[in-house]
C-alpha atoms as a PDB file:
ATOM      1  CA  MET A   1      -6.367  26.326  22.252  1.00  0.00           C
ATOM      2  CA  GLU A   2      -6.277  26.166  18.463  1.00  0.00           C
ATOM      3  CA  MET A   3      -3.302  27.843  16.807  1.00  0.00           C
ATOM      4  CA  ASN A   4      -3.580  29.603  13.465  1.00  0.00           C
ATOM      5  CA  GLY A   5      -1.151  31.047  10.958  1.00  0.00           C
ATOM      6  CA  PHE A   6       2.472  29.964  10.731  1.00  0.00           C
ATOM      7  CA  MET A   7       2.638  28.428  14.203  1.00  0.00           C
ATOM      8  CA  GLY A   8      -0.557  26.521  13.546  1.00  0.00           C
ATOM      9  CA  GLY A   9       0.969  25.093  10.375  1.00  0.00           C
ATOM     10  CA  ILE A  10       4.107  24.053  12.260  1.00  0.00           C
ATOM     11  CA  TYR A  11       1.988  22.382  14.947  1.00  0.00           C
ATOM     12  CA  LYS A  12      -0.083  20.451  12.365  1.00  0.00           C
ATOM     13  CA  ALA A  13       3.054  19.361  10.514  1.00  0.00           C
ATOM     14  CA  ALA A  14       4.562  18.138  13.797  1.00  0.00           C
ATOM     15  CA  GLU A  15       1.360  16.202  14.532  1.00  0.00           C
ATOM     16  CA  TRP A  16       1.510  14.456  11.146  1.00  0.00           C
ATOM     17  CA  ILE A  17       5.194  13.654  11.559  1.00  0.00           C
ATOM     18  CA  MET A  18       4.454  12.126  14.948  1.00  0.00           C
ATOM     19  CA  ARG A  19       1.501  10.104  13.618  1.00  0.00           C
ATOM     20  CA  LEU A  20       3.483   8.696  10.712  1.00  0.00           C
ATOM     21  CA  ALA A  21       6.441   7.839  12.951  1.00  0.00           C
ATOM     22  CA  ILE A  22       4.214   6.033  15.469  1.00  0.00           C
ATOM     23  CA  VAL A  23       2.465   3.984  12.773  1.00  0.00           C
ATOM     24  CA  ASN A  24       5.829   3.068  11.263  1.00  0.00           C
ATOM     25  CA  LEU A  25       7.127   1.906  14.657  1.00  0.00           C
ATOM     26  CA  LEU A  26       3.904  -0.034  15.247  1.00  0.00           C
ATOM     27  CA  TRP A  27       4.279  -1.684  11.843  1.00  0.00           C
ATOM     28  CA  LEU A  28       7.836  -2.717  12.707  1.00  0.00           C
ATOM     29  CA  GLY A  29       6.866  -3.907  16.184  1.00  0.00           C
ATOM     30  CA  PHE A  30       3.878  -6.000  15.087  1.00  0.00           C
ATOM     31  CA  THR A  31       5.711  -7.402  12.057  1.00  0.00           C
ATOM     32  CA  PHE A  32       8.620  -8.652  14.152  1.00  0.00           C
ATOM     33  CA  ALA A  33       6.331  -9.713  17.006  1.00  0.00           C
ATOM     34  CA  GLY A  34       4.758 -12.072  14.482  1.00  0.00           C
ATOM     35  CA  LEU A  35       8.246 -13.265  13.451  1.00  0.00           C
ATOM     36  CA  ILE A  36       7.658 -11.544  10.081  1.00  0.00           C
ATOM     37  CA  VAL A  37       5.808 -14.571   8.637  1.00  0.00           C
ATOM     38  CA  GLY A  38       2.899 -14.103  11.017  1.00  0.00           C
ATOM     39  CA  GLY A  39       3.015 -10.339  11.287  1.00  0.00           C
ATOM     40  CA  LEU A  40       3.949  -8.743   7.961  1.00  0.00           C
ATOM     41  CA  PHE A  41       0.630  -8.859   6.127  1.00  0.00           C
ATOM     42  CA  PRO A  42      -1.699  -8.097   9.083  1.00  0.00           C
ATOM     43  CA  ALA A  43       0.570  -5.215  10.139  1.00  0.00           C
ATOM     44  CA  THR A  44       0.573  -3.839   6.599  1.00  0.00           C
ATOM     45  CA  GLN A  45      -3.208  -4.098   6.437  1.00  0.00           C
ATOM     46  CA  ALA A  46      -3.470  -2.276   9.788  1.00  0.00           C
ATOM     47  CA  ALA A  47      -1.218   0.544   8.537  1.00  0.00           C
ATOM     48  CA  PHE A  48      -3.332   0.960   5.394  1.00  0.00           C
ATOM     49  CA  ALA A  49      -6.551   0.945   7.438  1.00  0.00           C
ATOM     50  CA  ILE A  50      -5.295   3.676   9.786  1.00  0.00           C
ATOM     51  CA  CYS A  51      -4.115   5.815   6.852  1.00  0.00           C
ATOM     52  CA  ARG A  52      -7.546   5.397   5.270  1.00  0.00           C
ATOM     53  CA  GLN A  53      -9.140   6.765   8.437  1.00  0.00           C
ATOM     54  CA  TRP A  54      -6.781   9.750   8.389  1.00  0.00           C
ATOM     55  CA  ILE A  55      -7.564  10.488   4.738  1.00  0.00           C
ATOM     56  CA  ARG A  56     -11.275  10.395   5.550  1.00  0.00           C
ATOM     57  CA  GLY A  57     -10.724  13.002   8.281  1.00  0.00           C
ATOM     58  CA  GLU A  58     -10.602  10.675  11.305  1.00  0.00           C
ATOM     59  CA  THR A  59      -7.273  11.821  12.720  1.00  0.00           C
ATOM     60  CA  ASP A  60      -8.018  11.788  16.466  1.00  0.00           C
ATOM     61  CA  ILE A  61      -7.843   8.044  17.026  1.00  0.00           C
ATOM     62  CA  PRO A  62      -5.829   6.076  19.620  1.00  0.00           C
ATOM     63  CA  LEU A  63      -3.066   4.691  17.417  1.00  0.00           C
ATOM     64  CA  PHE A  64      -1.932   1.636  19.382  1.00  0.00           C
ATOM     65  CA  LYS A  65      -5.457   0.470  20.201  1.00  0.00           C
ATOM     66  CA  THR A  66      -6.664   1.056  16.636  1.00  0.00           C
ATOM     67  CA  PHE A  67      -3.620  -0.622  15.094  1.00  0.00           C
ATOM     68  CA  LEU A  68      -4.062  -3.665  17.334  1.00  0.00           C
ATOM     69  CA  SER A  69      -7.750  -3.846  16.437  1.00  0.00           C
ATOM     70  CA  TYR A  70      -7.019  -3.820  12.702  1.00  0.00           C
ATOM     71  CA  PHE A  71      -4.133  -6.263  13.144  1.00  0.00           C
ATOM     72  CA  LYS A  72      -6.475  -8.826  14.702  1.00  0.00           C
ATOM     73  CA  LYS A  73      -9.396  -8.081  12.371  1.00  0.00           C
ATOM     74  CA  ASP A  74      -9.547 -10.450   9.379  1.00  0.00           C
ATOM     75  CA  TYR A  75      -6.145 -11.824  10.415  1.00  0.00           C
ATOM     76  CA  TRP A  76      -6.394 -15.101   8.505  1.00  0.00           C
ATOM     77  CA  LYS A  77      -8.077 -13.524   5.490  1.00  0.00           C
ATOM     78  CA  VAL A  78      -5.279 -10.987   5.021  1.00  0.00           C
ATOM     79  CA  GLN A  79      -2.722 -13.755   5.546  1.00  0.00           C
ATOM     80  CA  ARG A  80      -4.278 -15.712   2.671  1.00  0.00           C
ATOM     81  CA  LEU A  81      -4.252 -12.611   0.480  1.00  0.00           C
ATOM     82  CA  GLY A  82      -0.651 -11.833   1.354  1.00  0.00           C
ATOM     83  CA  TRP A  83       0.639 -15.337   0.684  1.00  0.00           C
ATOM     84  CA  ILE A  84      -1.232 -15.590  -2.620  1.00  0.00           C
ATOM     85  CA  LEU A  85       0.458 -12.353  -3.694  1.00  0.00           C
ATOM     86  CA  ALA A  86       3.811 -13.583  -2.357  1.00  0.00           C
ATOM     87  CA  LEU A  87       3.515 -16.815  -4.339  1.00  0.00           C
ATOM     88  CA  ILE A  88       2.673 -14.943  -7.548  1.00  0.00           C
ATOM     89  CA  GLY A  89       5.586 -12.581  -6.902  1.00  0.00           C
ATOM     90  CA  PHE A  90       7.953 -15.513  -6.375  1.00  0.00           C
ATOM     91  CA  VAL A  91       6.901 -17.086  -9.687  1.00  0.00           C
ATOM     92  CA  LEU A  92       7.472 -13.772 -11.478  1.00  0.00           C
ATOM     93  CA  VAL A  93      10.949 -13.379  -9.927  1.00  0.00           C
ATOM     94  CA  VAL A  94      11.886 -16.897 -11.071  1.00  0.00           C
ATOM     95  CA  ASP A  95      10.617 -16.100 -14.578  1.00  0.00           C
ATOM     96  CA  VAL A  96      12.589 -12.845 -14.716  1.00  0.00           C
ATOM     97  CA  MET A  97      15.782 -14.569 -13.566  1.00  0.00           C
ATOM     98  CA  PHE A  98      15.284 -17.339 -16.104  1.00  0.00           C
ATOM     99  CA  ILE A  99      14.717 -14.926 -19.003  1.00  0.00           C
ATOM    100  CA  TYR A 100      17.590 -12.592 -18.176  1.00  0.00           C
ATOM    101  CA  ASN A 101      20.031 -15.469 -17.698  1.00  0.00           C
ATOM    102  CA  HIS A 102      19.067 -17.151 -20.947  1.00  0.00           C
ATOM    103  CA  THR A 103      20.899 -16.616 -24.244  1.00  0.00           C
ATOM    104  CA  ASN A 104      18.209 -17.988 -26.536  1.00  0.00           C
ATOM    105  CA  PRO A 105      16.874 -14.980 -28.530  1.00  0.00           C
ATOM    106  CA  TYR A 106      13.351 -16.383 -28.560  1.00  0.00           C
ATOM    107  CA  VAL A 107      13.380 -16.507 -24.774  1.00  0.00           C
ATOM    108  CA  THR A 108      14.866 -13.016 -24.387  1.00  0.00           C
ATOM    109  CA  MET A 109      12.007 -11.653 -26.517  1.00  0.00           C
ATOM    110  CA  LEU A 110       9.839 -12.280 -23.453  1.00  0.00           C
ATOM    111  CA  ALA A 111      11.799  -9.717 -21.390  1.00  0.00           C
ATOM    112  CA  MET A 112       9.525  -6.735 -22.093  1.00  0.00           C
ATOM    113  CA  PRO A 113       6.228  -8.637 -21.620  1.00  0.00           C
ATOM    114  CA  ILE A 114       7.437 -10.088 -18.309  1.00  0.00           C
ATOM    115  CA  LEU A 115       8.510  -6.622 -17.096  1.00  0.00           C
ATOM    116  CA  LEU A 116       5.075  -5.218 -17.965  1.00  0.00           C
ATOM    117  CA  LEU A 117       3.538  -8.161 -16.135  1.00  0.00           C
ATOM    118  CA  CYS A 118       5.716  -7.359 -13.102  1.00  0.00           C
ATOM    119  CA  LEU A 119       4.514  -3.745 -13.203  1.00  0.00           C
ATOM    120  CA  LEU A 120       0.909  -4.941 -13.300  1.00  0.00           C
ATOM    121  CA  TYR A 121       1.662  -7.281 -10.397  1.00  0.00           C
ATOM    122  CA  ILE A 122       3.091  -4.448  -8.255  1.00  0.00           C
ATOM    123  CA  LEU A 123       0.046  -2.277  -8.907  1.00  0.00           C
ATOM    124  CA  THR A 124      -2.292  -5.203  -8.231  1.00  0.00           C
ATOM    125  CA  ALA A 125      -0.566  -5.922  -4.909  1.00  0.00           C
ATOM    126  CA  VAL A 126      -0.939  -2.286  -3.838  1.00  0.00           C
ATOM    127  CA  TYR A 127      -4.584  -2.087  -4.877  1.00  0.00           C
ATOM    128  CA  ALA A 128      -5.277  -5.433  -3.201  1.00  0.00           C
ATOM    129  CA  PHE A 129      -4.378  -4.029   0.221  1.00  0.00           C
ATOM    130  CA  THR A 130      -6.098  -0.689  -0.322  1.00  0.00           C
ATOM    131  CA  LEU A 131      -9.231  -2.440  -1.560  1.00  0.00           C
ATOM    132  CA  PHE A 132      -9.040  -4.837   1.393  1.00  0.00           C
ATOM    133  CA  VAL A 133      -9.400  -1.979   3.887  1.00  0.00           C
ATOM    134  CA  HIS A 134     -11.978  -0.074   1.816  1.00  0.00           C
ATOM    135  CA  TYR A 135     -14.437  -2.772   0.755  1.00  0.00           C
ATOM    136  CA  GLU A 136     -15.728  -6.090   2.039  1.00  0.00           C
ATOM    137  CA  MET A 137     -15.346  -8.754  -0.672  1.00  0.00           C
ATOM    138  CA  PRO A 138     -13.958 -12.282  -1.137  1.00  0.00           C
ATOM    139  CA  ILE A 139     -10.233 -12.549  -1.887  1.00  0.00           C
ATOM    140  CA  PHE A 140     -10.424 -13.625  -5.531  1.00  0.00           C
ATOM    141  CA  ARG A 141     -13.023 -10.982  -6.334  1.00  0.00           C
ATOM    142  CA  LEU A 142     -10.780  -8.468  -4.574  1.00  0.00           C
ATOM    143  CA  LEU A 143      -7.800  -9.534  -6.705  1.00  0.00           C
ATOM    144  CA  LYS A 144      -9.900  -9.204  -9.862  1.00  0.00           C
ATOM    145  CA  HIS A 145     -10.909  -5.663  -8.864  1.00  0.00           C
ATOM    146  CA  ALA A 146      -7.290  -4.851  -8.022  1.00  0.00           C
ATOM    147  CA  VAL A 147      -6.221  -5.803 -11.567  1.00  0.00           C
ATOM    148  CA  LEU A 148      -9.094  -3.791 -13.042  1.00  0.00           C
ATOM    149  CA  HIS A 149      -8.183  -0.694 -11.020  1.00  0.00           C
ATOM    150  CA  ALA A 150      -4.571  -0.988 -12.199  1.00  0.00           C
ATOM    151  CA  LEU A 151      -5.711  -1.183 -15.835  1.00  0.00           C
ATOM    152  CA  VAL A 152      -8.579   1.323 -15.996  1.00  0.00           C
ATOM    153  CA  ARG A 153      -6.761   4.119 -14.128  1.00  0.00           C
ATOM    154  CA  PRO A 154      -3.282   3.975 -15.687  1.00  0.00           C
ATOM    155  CA  PHE A 155      -2.364   7.626 -15.047  1.00  0.00           C
ATOM    156  CA  LEU A 156      -3.356   7.451 -11.390  1.00  0.00           C
ATOM    157  CA  SER A 157      -1.537   4.136 -11.023  1.00  0.00           C
ATOM    158  CA  ILE A 158       1.653   5.307 -12.701  1.00  0.00           C
ATOM    159  CA  GLY A 159       1.562   8.545 -10.696  1.00  0.00           C
ATOM    160  CA  MET A 160       1.271   6.470  -7.552  1.00  0.00           C
ATOM    161  CA  LEU A 161       4.338   4.397  -8.448  1.00  0.00           C
ATOM    162  CA  ILE A 162       6.425   7.398  -9.555  1.00  0.00           C
ATOM    163  CA  THR A 163       5.654   9.259  -6.321  1.00  0.00           C
ATOM    164  CA  SER A 164       6.495   6.238  -4.200  1.00  0.00           C
ATOM    165  CA  PHE A 165       9.707   5.640  -6.159  1.00  0.00           C
ATOM    166  CA  GLY A 166      10.737   9.285  -5.718  1.00  0.00           C
ATOM    167  CA  ILE A 167      10.120   9.118  -1.976  1.00  0.00           C
ATOM    168  CA  SER A 168      12.163   5.897  -1.801  1.00  0.00           C
ATOM    169  CA  ILE A 169      15.136   7.526  -3.545  1.00  0.00           C
ATOM    170  CA  LEU A 170      14.926  10.502  -1.184  1.00  0.00           C
ATOM    171  CA  MET A 171      14.775   8.282   1.895  1.00  0.00           C
ATOM    172  CA  LEU A 172      17.745   6.218   0.767  1.00  0.00           C
ATOM    173  CA  ARG A 173      19.788   9.414   0.774  1.00  0.00           C
ATOM    174  CA  PHE A 174      18.820   9.883   4.434  1.00  0.00           C
ATOM    175  CA  PRO A 175      18.660   6.308   5.770  1.00  0.00           C
ATOM    176  CA  GLY A 176      18.225   7.499   9.342  1.00  0.00           C
ATOM    177  CA  VAL A 177      14.564   8.275   8.611  1.00  0.00           C
ATOM    178  CA  LEU A 178      13.752   4.718   7.459  1.00  0.00           C
ATOM    179  CA  PRO A 179      12.925   3.265  10.924  1.00  0.00           C
ATOM    180  CA  PHE A 180      10.433   6.109  11.465  1.00  0.00           C
ATOM    181  CA  PHE A 181       8.945   6.755   8.015  1.00  0.00           C
ATOM    182  CA  GLY A 182      10.180   4.010   5.672  1.00  0.00           C
ATOM    183  CA  VAL A 183       6.793   2.261   5.491  1.00  0.00           C
ATOM    184  CA  SER A 184       4.192   4.681   6.840  1.00  0.00           C
ATOM    185  CA  VAL A 185       4.876   7.478   4.321  1.00  0.00           C
ATOM    186  CA  HIS A 186       4.590   5.040   1.405  1.00  0.00           C
ATOM    187  CA  VAL A 187       1.430   3.480   2.829  1.00  0.00           C
ATOM    188  CA  PHE A 188      -0.151   6.902   3.317  1.00  0.00           C
ATOM    189  CA  LEU A 189       0.663   8.020  -0.238  1.00  0.00           C
ATOM    190  CA  LEU A 190      -0.485   4.749  -1.797  1.00  0.00           C
ATOM    191  CA  MET A 191      -3.711   4.861   0.216  1.00  0.00           C
ATOM    192  CA  TRP A 192      -4.307   8.500  -0.769  1.00  0.00           C
ATOM    193  CA  PHE A 193      -3.932   7.751  -4.482  1.00  0.00           C
ATOM    194  CA  SER A 194      -6.079   4.625  -4.227  1.00  0.00           C
ATOM    195  CA  HIS A 195      -8.747   6.321  -2.133  1.00  0.00           C
ATOM    196  CA  THR A 196      -8.967   9.101  -4.730  1.00  0.00           C
ATOM    197  CA  GLY A 197      -9.669   6.481  -7.384  1.00  0.00           C
ATOM    198  CA  PHE A 198     -12.212   4.672  -5.216  1.00  0.00           C
ATOM    199  CA  VAL A 199     -14.109   7.896  -4.470  1.00  0.00           C
ATOM    200  CA  ARG A 200     -14.220   8.845  -8.162  1.00  0.00           C
ATOM    201  CA  ASN A 201     -15.509   5.395  -9.023  1.00  0.00           C
ATOM    202  CA  GLU A 202     -18.203   5.573  -6.342  1.00  0.00           C
ATOM    203  CA  GLU A 203     -19.282   9.048  -7.489  1.00  0.00           C
ATOM    204  CA  LYS A 204     -19.486   7.821 -11.097  1.00  0.00           C
ATOM    205  CA  GLN A 205     -21.605   4.848 -10.029  1.00  0.00           C
ATOM    206  CA  ARG A 206     -23.942   7.118  -8.038  1.00  0.00           C
ATOM    207  CA  SER A 207     -24.358   9.513 -10.975  1.00  0.00           C
ATOM    208  CA  GLN A 208     -25.143   6.616 -13.331  1.00  0.00           C
ATOM    209  CA  ALA A 209     -27.681   5.193 -10.889  1.00  0.00           C
ATOM    210  CA  ALA A 210     -29.421   8.577 -10.424  1.00  0.00           C
END
């Protein structure tokens, strides 16, 4: 029996809370089952893929079975993507540490450019995973599109980061929620923002082709 009104809203909210908590626990379980190195990136890709289905209206799906299916799908491809991004991130961290520990004024002038580059990297990493679950394309083409999405939709991208940062601050004030929502809420929000951009882009392409 379908409930309407206030009780219906409470029931739907409880359903979403339960879904997000289950996906977060699945992400933790699969990440650690793969000893982090073998599980982090496929589990993250699976969480994004499930959130994409929810955003597209496919909410009645078996979560464990679907998560496992996405975890195994394109396992080695998402591992390559993840480790490429991890390597780039490591290089950027080393550069930041070098610049901020250096007293040479010519070196410290690079502080702002490297911070902007780090911001672009974060956005690219997010778009890389959301593009991965939305389109079928080779990794380096996917990374190129991820950079383009970060650059051509700056307001959407910045809004995405600000929202995620705000949620992070809120969660840190209530650390007990982290095991249940620390990843899934962020993944859902990032996927929602990205999916909005993808849909707009697809609609624009269709209108230009018509």
